[in-house]
Each structure stands twice: as C-alpha cells, then as structure tokens.
C-alpha atoms as a PDB file:
ATOM      1  CA  MET A   1       9.372 -11.358   0.518  1.00  0.00           C
ATOM      2  CA  ALA A   2       8.289  -8.112   1.196  1.00  0.00           C
ATOM      3  CA  LEU A   3       4.966  -7.058   0.529  1.00  0.00           C
ATOM      4  CA  PHE A   4       3.436  -4.429   0.042  1.00  0.00           C
ATOM      5  CA  LEU A   5       0.705  -2.713   1.777  1.00  0.00           C
ATOM      6  CA  ASP A   6      -1.715  -0.237  -0.123  1.00  0.00           C
ATOM      7  CA  THR A   7      -2.593   2.864   1.756  1.00  0.00           C
ATOM      8  CA  ASN A   8      -5.955   1.296   1.871  1.00  0.00           C
ATOM      9  CA  VAL A   9      -4.921  -1.459   4.581  1.00  0.00           C
ATOM     10  CA  PHE A  10      -3.906   1.394   6.909  1.00  0.00           C
ATOM     11  CA  LEU A  11      -6.839   4.271   6.218  1.00  0.00           C
ATOM     12  CA  TYR A  12      -8.845   0.184   7.108  1.00  0.00           C
ATOM     13  CA  ALA A  13      -6.874  -0.268  10.092  1.00  0.00           C
ATOM     14  CA  ALA A  14      -7.112   3.213  11.442  1.00  0.00           C
ATOM     15  CA  GLY A  15     -11.022   3.880  10.412  1.00  0.00           C
ATOM     16  CA  GLY A  16     -13.712   3.437  11.507  1.00  0.00           C
ATOM     17  CA  PRO A  17     -16.032  -0.082  12.092  1.00  0.00           C
ATOM     18  CA  HIS A  18     -14.946  -1.360   8.757  1.00  0.00           C
ATOM     19  CA  PRO A  19     -15.350  -5.411   7.912  1.00  0.00           C
ATOM     20  CA  LEU A  20     -10.892  -4.908   6.828  1.00  0.00           C
ATOM     21  CA  LYS A  21     -10.767  -3.519  10.065  1.00  0.00           C
ATOM     22  CA  GLU A  22      -9.338  -6.477  11.796  1.00  0.00           C
ATOM     23  CA  PRO A  23      -7.794  -8.113   8.853  1.00  0.00           C
ATOM     24  CA  CYS A  24      -5.631  -4.553   8.597  1.00  0.00           C
ATOM     25  CA  GLY A  25      -4.995  -4.280  12.059  1.00  0.00           C
ATOM     26  CA  ARG A  26      -4.001  -8.256  12.157  1.00  0.00           C
ATOM     27  CA  ILE A  27      -1.529  -7.889   9.329  1.00  0.00           C
ATOM     28  CA  LEU A  28       0.088  -4.239  10.937  1.00  0.00           C
ATOM     29  CA  LYS A  29       1.074  -6.198  13.994  1.00  0.00           C
ATOM     30  CA  ALA A  30       2.500  -8.802  12.341  1.00  0.00           C
ATOM     31  CA  VAL A  31       4.709  -6.646  10.775  1.00  0.00           C
ATOM     32  CA  ALA A  32       5.200  -4.698  14.566  1.00  0.00           C
ATOM     33  CA  ASP A  33       6.134  -8.684  15.832  1.00  0.00           C
ATOM     34  CA  GLY A  34       8.378  -9.203  12.037  1.00  0.00           C
ATOM     35  CA  THR A  35       5.857 -12.120  11.518  1.00  0.00           C
ATOM     36  CA  ILE A  36       5.339  -9.376   7.668  1.00  0.00           C
ATOM     37  CA  GLU A  37       8.165  -7.451   6.275  1.00  0.00           C
ATOM     38  CA  ALA A  38       5.696  -4.971   4.343  1.00  0.00           C
ATOM     39  CA  VAL A  39       7.719  -1.305   2.761  1.00  0.00           C
ATOM     40  CA  VAL A  40       5.289   1.132   1.086  1.00  0.00           C
ATOM     41  CA  ASP A  41       6.241   4.461  -1.266  1.00  0.00           C
ATOM     42  CA  THR A  42       6.048   7.623  -1.012  1.00  0.00           C
ATOM     43  CA  GLU A  43       3.207   7.712  -2.631  1.00  0.00           C
ATOM     44  CA  VAL A  44       1.657   5.514  -0.175  1.00  0.00           C
ATOM     45  CA  LEU A  45       2.520   8.496   2.890  1.00  0.00           C
ATOM     46  CA  GLN A  46       1.004  11.062   0.731  1.00  0.00           C
ATOM     47  CA  GLU A  47      -2.358   9.241  -0.501  1.00  0.00           C
ATOM     48  CA  LEU A  48      -1.864   9.044   2.829  1.00  0.00           C
ATOM     49  CA  LEU A  49      -1.913  12.643   4.123  1.00  0.00           C
ATOM     50  CA  TYR A  50      -4.260  13.702   0.915  1.00  0.00           C
ATOM     51  CA  VAL A  51      -7.452  11.503   2.558  1.00  0.00           C
ATOM     52  CA  LEU A  52      -7.412  12.948   5.613  1.00  0.00           C
ATOM     53  CA  GLU A  53      -6.285  16.354   4.575  1.00  0.00           C
ATOM     54  CA  ARG A  54      -9.836  15.985   2.871  1.00  0.00           C
ATOM     55  CA  ARG A  55     -10.797  14.856   5.586  1.00  0.00           C
ATOM     56  CA  GLY A  56     -10.186  17.835   7.707  1.00  0.00           C
ATOM     57  CA  LEU A  57      -8.102  15.651   9.516  1.00  0.00           C
ATOM     58  CA  VAL A  58      -4.435  16.801   9.208  1.00  0.00           C
ATOM     59  CA  ARG A  59      -2.510  16.315  12.489  1.00  0.00           C
ATOM     60  CA  ARG A  60      -4.082  12.529  12.695  1.00  0.00           C
ATOM     61  CA  GLY A  61      -2.900  12.281   8.855  1.00  0.00           C
ATOM     62  CA  THR A  62       0.745  13.648   9.694  1.00  0.00           C
ATOM     63  CA  GLY A  63       0.398  11.293  13.133  1.00  0.00           C
ATOM     64  CA  LEU A  64      -0.593   8.572   9.982  1.00  0.00           C
ATOM     65  CA  VAL A  65       2.062   8.607   7.871  1.00  0.00           C
ATOM     66  CA  SER A  66       4.727   9.267  11.199  1.00  0.00           C
ATOM     67  CA  SER A  67       3.587   5.885  12.276  1.00  0.00           C
ATOM     68  CA  VAL A  68       3.481   4.193   8.976  1.00  0.00           C
ATOM     69  CA  VAL A  69       7.483   5.104   8.395  1.00  0.00           C
ATOM     70  CA  GLU A  70       8.380   3.946  12.058  1.00  0.00           C
ATOM     71  CA  LEU A  71       6.455   0.334  10.829  1.00  0.00           C
ATOM     72  CA  VAL A  72       7.730  -0.295   7.656  1.00  0.00           C
ATOM     73  CA  GLY A  73      10.966   1.236   7.116  1.00  0.00           C
ATOM     74  CA  ARG A  74      11.559   0.447   4.144  1.00  0.00           C
ATOM     75  CA  VAL A  75       9.309   3.526   1.713  1.00  0.00           C
ATOM     76  CA  LEU A  76      11.035   3.065  -1.379  1.00  0.00           C
ATOM     77  CA  PRO A  77      11.160   6.712  -3.530  1.00  0.00           C
ATOM     78  CA  VAL A  78       9.172   7.313  -6.506  1.00  0.00           C
ATOM     79  CA  ALA A  79      11.934   8.579  -8.792  1.00  0.00           C
ATOM     80  CA  ALA A  80      11.971   9.665 -12.927  1.00  0.00           C
ATOM     81  CA  HIS A  81      11.863   5.659 -13.795  1.00  0.00           C
ATOM     82  CA  ASP A  82       8.508   5.185 -11.766  1.00  0.00           C
ATOM     83  CA  MET A  83       7.290   7.444 -13.123  1.00  0.00           C
ATOM     84  CA  GLU A  84       7.710   6.625 -17.265  1.00  0.00           C
ATOM     85  CA  LEU A  85       7.116   2.946 -16.513  1.00  0.00           C
ATOM     86  CA  ALA A  86       3.402   4.047 -15.023  1.00  0.00           C
ATOM     87  CA  CYS A  87       2.250   5.952 -17.470  1.00  0.00           C
ATOM     88  CA  LYS A  88       3.773   3.005 -19.432  1.00  0.00           C
ATOM     89  CA  LEU A  89       1.314   0.543 -17.347  1.00  0.00           C
ATOM     90  CA  LEU A  90      -1.641   2.955 -17.391  1.00  0.00           C
ATOM     91  CA  LEU A  91      -2.133   3.507 -21.502  1.00  0.00           C
ATOM     92  CA  LYS A  92      -2.260  -0.962 -21.418  1.00  0.00           C
ATOM     93  CA  SER A  93      -4.155  -0.675 -18.894  1.00  0.00           C
ATOM     94  CA  LYS A  94      -7.607  -0.053 -19.054  1.00  0.00           C
ATOM     95  CA  GLY A  95      -9.418   1.929 -16.309  1.00  0.00           C
ATOM     96  CA  LEU A  96      -6.175   1.417 -13.500  1.00  0.00           C
ATOM     97  CA  PRO A  97      -6.022   4.398 -11.802  1.00  0.00           C
ATOM     98  CA  VAL A  98      -3.129   6.345 -11.668  1.00  0.00           C
ATOM     99  CA  ARG A  99      -1.701   5.835  -8.349  1.00  0.00           C
ATOM    100  CA  ASP A 100      -1.826   2.663  -8.823  1.00  0.00           C
ATOM    101  CA  ALA A 101      -0.231   2.732 -11.477  1.00  0.00           C
ATOM    102  CA  VAL A 102       2.539   4.694  -9.336  1.00  0.00           C
ATOM    103  CA  HIS A 103       2.329   2.222  -7.070  1.00  0.00           C
ATOM    104  CA  ALA A 104       2.808  -0.332  -9.104  1.00  0.00           C
ATOM    105  CA  ALA A 105       5.301   1.116 -11.532  1.00  0.00           C
ATOM    106  CA  VAL A 106       7.414   1.067  -7.915  1.00  0.00           C
ATOM    107  CA  MET A 107       6.817  -2.453  -6.775  1.00  0.00           C
ATOM    108  CA  MET A 108       8.011  -3.785 -10.217  1.00  0.00           C
ATOM    109  CA  ASN A 109      11.567  -1.241 -10.239  1.00  0.00           C
ATOM    110  CA  ASN A 110      12.854  -3.068  -6.811  1.00  0.00           C
ATOM    111  CA  GLY A 111      11.704  -6.464  -7.863  1.00  0.00           C
ATOM    112  CA  LEU A 112       7.793  -7.069  -5.922  1.00  0.00           C
ATOM    113  CA  ASP A 113       5.423  -8.778  -6.785  1.00  0.00           C
ATOM    114  CA  THR A 114       2.996  -8.367  -3.916  1.00  0.00           C
ATOM    115  CA  VAL A 115       0.519  -6.372  -3.209  1.00  0.00           C
ATOM    116  CA  VAL A 116      -1.890  -5.931  -0.236  1.00  0.00           C
ATOM    117  CA  THR A 117      -5.341  -4.702  -1.207  1.00  0.00           C
ATOM    118  CA  ALA A 118      -8.708  -4.511  -1.239  1.00  0.00           C
ATOM    119  CA  ASP A 119      -8.627  -2.571  -3.752  1.00  0.00           C
ATOM    120  CA  GLN A 120      -9.092  -4.769  -7.655  1.00  0.00           C
ATOM    121  CA  HIS A 121      -6.822  -2.402  -9.705  1.00  0.00           C
ATOM    122  CA  PHE A 122      -3.910  -4.432  -9.360  1.00  0.00           C
ATOM    123  CA  ALA A 123      -5.416  -7.583 -10.630  1.00  0.00           C
ATOM    124  CA  ARG A 124      -5.148  -5.626 -14.563  1.00  0.00           C
ATOM    125  CA  ILE A 125      -2.248  -5.153 -14.817  1.00  0.00           C
ATOM    126  CA  LYS A 126       0.072  -8.671 -15.536  1.00  0.00           C
ATOM    127  CA  GLY A 127       3.374 -10.207 -12.996  1.00  0.00           C
ATOM    128  CA  LEU A 128       1.703  -9.143 -10.017  1.00  0.00           C
ATOM    129  CA  ARG A 129       0.182 -11.286  -7.134  1.00  0.00           C
ATOM    130  CA  CYS A 130      -2.735  -8.527  -5.003  1.00  0.00           C
ATOM    131  CA  ILE A 131      -4.252 -10.139  -1.946  1.00  0.00           C
ATOM    132  CA  GLN A 132      -7.003  -8.751  -0.486  1.00  0.00           C
ATOM    133  CA  PRO A 133      -5.802  -8.413   3.660  1.00  0.00           C
ATOM    134  CA  ALA A 134      -8.725 -10.955   5.190  1.00  0.00           C
ATOM    135  CA  GLU A 135      -6.665 -13.609   3.145  1.00  0.00           C
ATOM    136  CA  VAL A 136      -2.656 -12.140   4.386  1.00  0.00           C
ATOM    137  CA  GLU A 137      -0.988 -15.104   6.218  1.00  0.00           C
ATOM    138  CA  THR A 138      -0.519 -13.438   9.479  1.00  0.00           C
ATOM    139  CA  THR A 139       1.210 -16.653  12.107  1.00  0.00           C
ATOM    140  CA  ARG A 140       4.679 -18.191  12.371  1.00  0.00           C
ATOM    141  CA  ALA A 141       4.335 -20.910  10.444  1.00  0.00           C
END
C-alpha cells in the first residue's frame, strides 16, 4: 500500500540540521530504491514552492518540486470532488488546517489511508493513519 508523504517530509529532508532530517532522508532513500511506494498530490508541490518562495529560494523550490515528481512518480490531482470533501472535513474537524484537509480529501478519494507526517493535524480525521517519520520502516522485510 502506498504511503502519502506530507510536505514536511521533503522540507525536513532537504533542510538544514534538524532531528527529523535523517529519518525523512531515509524515507526518501527508501522511495528511491523501491522499498517504499509513495504518493503526493499537487497541493504538496504547491506547498513546497510556497514555503521556499517565501524564504527567497524560488530556484531551490522549483528544483525540489522536479525532484519530488521524479522520485514519487505518482502525483494525484486535486479535483472539485476533493475540495467538496475537504470542506466537509474542515467543518467536522476543528483546528484542521486547510492544506491538510485538502491532502486528506485527496487521500480518501483515492483509497489511501496512511500519511507520513511530522504534524498531528491528520490525527483529527477519522479513518486516516498517521505515522511519524522516525517510525517508518525503511528496510525490506
């Protein structure tokens, strides 16, 4: 089963020193070698660009987006029916950030139930399983 990788996995892996840099880097290496099947949506790509552009790192952002697309291979679109579900999730889950509601809706509408994230927001959504980056198994059985 594919894992949905939240934006922060890529940001920590590509960023400076941080306790999550190594676990996130291991996850991406496992995706690259085929140990983990990963999925993102177009909102993850937009969020990467947004964060890095705000830091004055547009070139780095565009390069990271290209690398993510090449790495995961499967980028799900955000469609109107995803936005409808995201709105319902926002109304049900107090404090849920809009971007996380969009990711959750895309996941649910595409039969995905597991997200790798450093955030706790996804835990508010019934039916989704959240895994912290350090808890992801990155070796073959």
